[in-house]
N, C-alpha and C. Protein backbone atom coordinates (compact mmCIF):
# COMPACT_ATOMS: atom_id res chain seq x y z
N MET A 1 -1.57 -8.52 -21.12
CA MET A 1 -1.30 -8.20 -20.03
C MET A 1 -0.11 -7.26 -19.39
N ASP A 2 -0.53 -6.40 -18.71
CA ASP A 2 0.47 -5.45 -18.21
C ASP A 2 1.48 -6.11 -17.41
N THR A 3 2.82 -6.20 -17.82
CA THR A 3 3.93 -6.80 -16.89
C THR A 3 4.69 -5.99 -16.18
N SER A 4 4.21 -4.82 -16.04
CA SER A 4 5.28 -3.39 -15.52
C SER A 4 5.38 -3.98 -14.13
N HIS A 5 6.73 -3.53 -13.80
CA HIS A 5 7.19 -3.76 -12.51
C HIS A 5 6.93 -2.28 -11.75
N HIS A 6 6.17 -2.14 -10.85
CA HIS A 6 6.10 -0.98 -10.04
C HIS A 6 7.00 -0.80 -8.82
N THR A 7 7.22 0.28 -8.28
CA THR A 7 7.96 0.24 -6.93
C THR A 7 7.18 0.75 -5.86
N LEU A 8 7.54 0.71 -4.69
CA LEU A 8 6.83 0.95 -3.45
C LEU A 8 6.69 2.78 -3.64
N GLY A 9 7.66 3.36 -4.11
CA GLY A 9 7.26 4.86 -4.51
C GLY A 9 6.25 5.13 -5.30
N GLU A 10 6.14 4.14 -6.50
CA GLU A 10 4.79 4.56 -7.18
C GLU A 10 3.53 4.01 -6.77
N LEU A 11 3.71 3.27 -5.71
CA LEU A 11 2.59 2.86 -5.14
C LEU A 11 1.90 4.15 -4.24
N PHE A 12 2.77 4.53 -3.60
CA PHE A 12 2.47 5.69 -2.87
C PHE A 12 2.04 6.85 -3.60
N LYS A 13 2.67 7.24 -4.75
CA LYS A 13 2.04 8.19 -5.63
C LYS A 13 0.59 7.77 -6.14
N GLN A 14 0.48 6.67 -6.58
CA GLN A 14 -0.67 6.18 -6.84
C GLN A 14 -2.15 6.25 -5.75
N LEU A 15 -1.53 6.28 -4.59
CA LEU A 15 -2.33 6.35 -3.53
C LEU A 15 -2.62 7.93 -3.03
N GLY A 16 -1.89 8.68 -3.85
CA GLY A 16 -1.92 10.16 -3.63
C GLY A 16 -1.02 10.68 -2.29
N LEU A 17 -0.06 9.91 -2.14
CA LEU A 17 0.66 10.08 -0.91
C LEU A 17 2.11 10.62 -1.44
N ALA A 18 2.73 11.57 -0.62
CA ALA A 18 4.16 11.90 -0.78
C ALA A 18 5.06 10.52 -0.88
N ASN A 19 5.81 10.67 -1.98
CA ASN A 19 6.45 9.12 -2.52
C ASN A 19 7.92 9.37 -2.51
N GLY A 20 8.58 10.35 -1.74
CA GLY A 20 10.22 10.36 -1.71
C GLY A 20 10.35 9.19 -0.64
N LYS A 21 11.95 8.84 -0.33
CA LYS A 21 12.19 7.84 0.43
C LYS A 21 11.91 8.23 1.75
N SER A 22 12.29 9.51 2.16
CA SER A 22 11.96 9.94 3.52
C SER A 22 10.33 10.14 3.87
N ASP A 23 9.50 10.41 2.88
CA ASP A 23 8.10 10.35 2.89
C ASP A 23 7.77 9.03 3.37
N ILE A 24 8.12 7.83 2.62
CA ILE A 24 7.81 6.65 2.98
C ILE A 24 8.13 6.21 4.34
N ASP A 25 9.42 6.45 4.53
CA ASP A 25 10.10 6.02 5.84
C ASP A 25 9.28 6.66 6.96
N ALA A 26 8.87 7.76 6.70
CA ALA A 26 7.90 8.60 7.76
C ALA A 26 6.64 8.02 7.91
N PHE A 27 5.96 7.56 6.76
CA PHE A 27 4.70 6.97 6.81
C PHE A 27 4.81 5.64 7.52
N LEU A 28 5.73 4.83 7.17
CA LEU A 28 6.02 3.49 7.72
C LEU A 28 6.34 3.57 9.27
N GLY A 29 6.82 4.56 9.77
CA GLY A 29 7.19 4.77 11.02
C GLY A 29 6.06 5.20 12.02
N GLN A 30 4.94 6.02 11.21
CA GLN A 30 3.84 6.49 11.97
C GLN A 30 2.62 5.76 11.86
N HIS A 31 2.57 4.36 11.17
CA HIS A 31 1.40 3.65 10.83
C HIS A 31 1.84 2.18 10.96
N ARG A 32 0.74 1.45 11.74
CA ARG A 32 1.13 0.10 11.89
C ARG A 32 -0.25 -0.73 11.52
N LEU A 33 -0.46 -1.85 11.15
CA LEU A 33 -1.39 -2.48 11.05
C LEU A 33 -1.68 -3.14 12.33
N ALA A 34 -3.07 -3.36 12.72
CA ALA A 34 -3.39 -4.11 13.99
C ALA A 34 -3.08 -5.67 13.82
N GLU A 35 -2.96 -6.23 14.79
CA GLU A 35 -2.74 -7.77 14.49
C GLU A 35 -3.69 -8.39 13.80
N GLY A 36 -3.72 -9.11 12.70
CA GLY A 36 -4.67 -9.78 11.89
C GLY A 36 -5.19 -8.99 10.98
N GLN A 37 -5.09 -7.37 10.96
CA GLN A 37 -5.70 -6.56 10.05
C GLN A 37 -5.32 -6.65 8.70
N ALA A 38 -6.20 -6.51 7.75
CA ALA A 38 -6.06 -6.64 6.31
C ALA A 38 -5.48 -5.14 6.16
N LEU A 39 -4.69 -4.92 5.09
CA LEU A 39 -3.89 -3.58 4.93
C LEU A 39 -5.31 -2.87 4.34
N PRO A 40 -6.12 -3.12 3.44
CA PRO A 40 -7.25 -2.44 2.98
C PRO A 40 -8.20 -1.86 4.14
N ASP A 41 -8.28 -2.77 5.28
CA ASP A 41 -9.04 -2.22 6.34
C ASP A 41 -8.49 -1.35 7.48
N ALA A 42 -7.12 -1.00 7.25
CA ALA A 42 -6.50 0.10 8.23
C ALA A 42 -7.36 1.53 8.05
N PRO A 43 -7.41 1.99 9.42
CA PRO A 43 -7.98 3.26 9.61
C PRO A 43 -7.47 4.34 8.82
N PHE A 44 -6.06 4.19 8.43
CA PHE A 44 -5.55 5.48 8.01
C PHE A 44 -5.81 5.71 6.37
N TRP A 45 -6.40 4.99 5.98
CA TRP A 45 -6.76 5.02 4.44
C TRP A 45 -8.03 5.71 4.27
N ASN A 46 -8.26 6.40 3.17
CA ASN A 46 -9.68 7.15 2.78
C ASN A 46 -10.17 6.07 2.00
N LYS A 47 -11.56 6.19 1.78
CA LYS A 47 -12.18 5.20 0.89
C LYS A 47 -11.69 4.88 -0.44
N ALA A 48 -11.00 5.83 -1.10
CA ALA A 48 -10.60 5.66 -2.68
C ALA A 48 -9.40 4.80 -2.40
N GLN A 49 -8.34 4.96 -1.45
CA GLN A 49 -7.05 4.32 -1.12
C GLN A 49 -7.58 2.92 -0.83
N ALA A 50 -8.48 2.75 0.11
CA ALA A 50 -8.75 1.27 0.51
C ALA A 50 -9.52 0.37 -0.58
N ASP A 51 -10.17 1.25 -1.46
CA ASP A 51 -10.89 0.68 -2.53
C ASP A 51 -9.69 -0.04 -3.42
N PHE A 52 -8.60 0.79 -3.73
CA PHE A 52 -7.56 0.56 -4.86
C PHE A 52 -6.84 -0.36 -4.10
N LEU A 53 -6.47 -0.46 -2.95
CA LEU A 53 -5.68 -1.74 -2.17
C LEU A 53 -6.12 -3.00 -2.32
N ARG A 54 -7.70 -3.07 -1.99
CA ARG A 54 -8.63 -4.00 -1.91
C ARG A 54 -8.51 -4.79 -3.42
N GLU A 55 -8.87 -3.89 -4.51
CA GLU A 55 -9.05 -4.27 -5.67
C GLU A 55 -7.70 -4.76 -6.21
N ALA A 56 -6.67 -4.22 -5.93
CA ALA A 56 -5.07 -4.82 -6.30
C ALA A 56 -4.97 -6.25 -5.68
N LEU A 57 -5.37 -6.55 -4.56
CA LEU A 57 -5.22 -7.44 -4.03
C LEU A 57 -6.08 -8.94 -4.45
N GLU A 58 -7.42 -8.40 -4.59
CA GLU A 58 -8.29 -9.30 -5.17
C GLU A 58 -8.14 -9.74 -6.57
N ASP A 59 -7.79 -8.81 -7.30
CA ASP A 59 -7.59 -8.92 -8.94
C ASP A 59 -6.12 -9.36 -9.16
N ASP A 60 -5.51 -9.58 -8.14
CA ASP A 60 -4.02 -9.88 -8.31
C ASP A 60 -3.39 -9.08 -9.45
N SER A 61 -3.65 -7.66 -9.28
CA SER A 61 -3.27 -6.81 -10.59
C SER A 61 -1.78 -6.63 -10.47
N ASP A 62 -1.06 -5.99 -11.27
CA ASP A 62 -0.03 -5.53 -11.32
C ASP A 62 0.73 -4.61 -9.99
N TRP A 63 -0.35 -4.22 -9.41
CA TRP A 63 0.21 -3.48 -8.21
C TRP A 63 0.30 -4.40 -6.89
N ALA A 64 -0.16 -5.80 -7.17
CA ALA A 64 -0.23 -6.62 -5.93
C ALA A 64 1.07 -6.76 -5.19
N GLU A 65 2.17 -7.05 -5.84
CA GLU A 65 3.44 -7.25 -5.18
C GLU A 65 3.83 -5.96 -4.25
N GLU A 66 3.54 -4.78 -4.88
CA GLU A 66 3.87 -3.78 -3.87
C GLU A 66 2.96 -3.40 -2.97
N VAL A 67 1.65 -3.80 -3.21
CA VAL A 67 0.57 -3.91 -1.98
C VAL A 67 1.05 -4.98 -1.00
N ASP A 68 1.44 -6.14 -1.43
CA ASP A 68 1.97 -7.05 -0.50
C ASP A 68 3.12 -6.57 0.34
N GLU A 69 4.11 -5.96 -0.45
CA GLU A 69 5.18 -5.63 0.17
C GLU A 69 4.96 -4.21 1.55
N LEU A 70 3.97 -3.64 1.35
CA LEU A 70 3.39 -2.62 2.01
C LEU A 70 3.01 -3.06 3.21
N ALA A 71 1.97 -4.05 2.96
CA ALA A 71 1.23 -4.77 4.13
C ALA A 71 2.34 -5.41 5.18
N VAL A 72 3.46 -5.85 4.79
CA VAL A 72 4.40 -6.64 5.37
C VAL A 72 5.26 -5.63 6.18
N ARG A 73 5.39 -4.53 5.59
CA ARG A 73 6.15 -3.48 6.00
C ARG A 73 5.17 -2.78 7.44
N LEU A 74 4.16 -2.76 7.04
CA LEU A 74 3.50 -1.95 8.24
C LEU A 74 2.57 -3.01 9.29
N SER A 75 3.18 -4.52 9.16
CA SER A 75 2.75 -5.40 10.22
C SER A 75 3.45 -5.28 11.27
N PRO A 76 2.68 -5.66 12.48
CA PRO A 76 3.48 -5.66 13.75
C PRO A 76 4.48 -6.66 13.89
């Protein structure tokens, strides 16, 4: 089992997004989840990104903690 600890920056890189601190802050400032919306269902992801996020959560992968953190930070 991979017990790697990933960072939010690494998650952004994995999603193909700019992953510097200012890039992440800008993304978080420009995007929000609708009330009750699951992170993978947000309209700002492409299919591959949404699939990755969904799989990370469903499989409780080593990315799940960072995906959860991102969901919290994007929640209203």
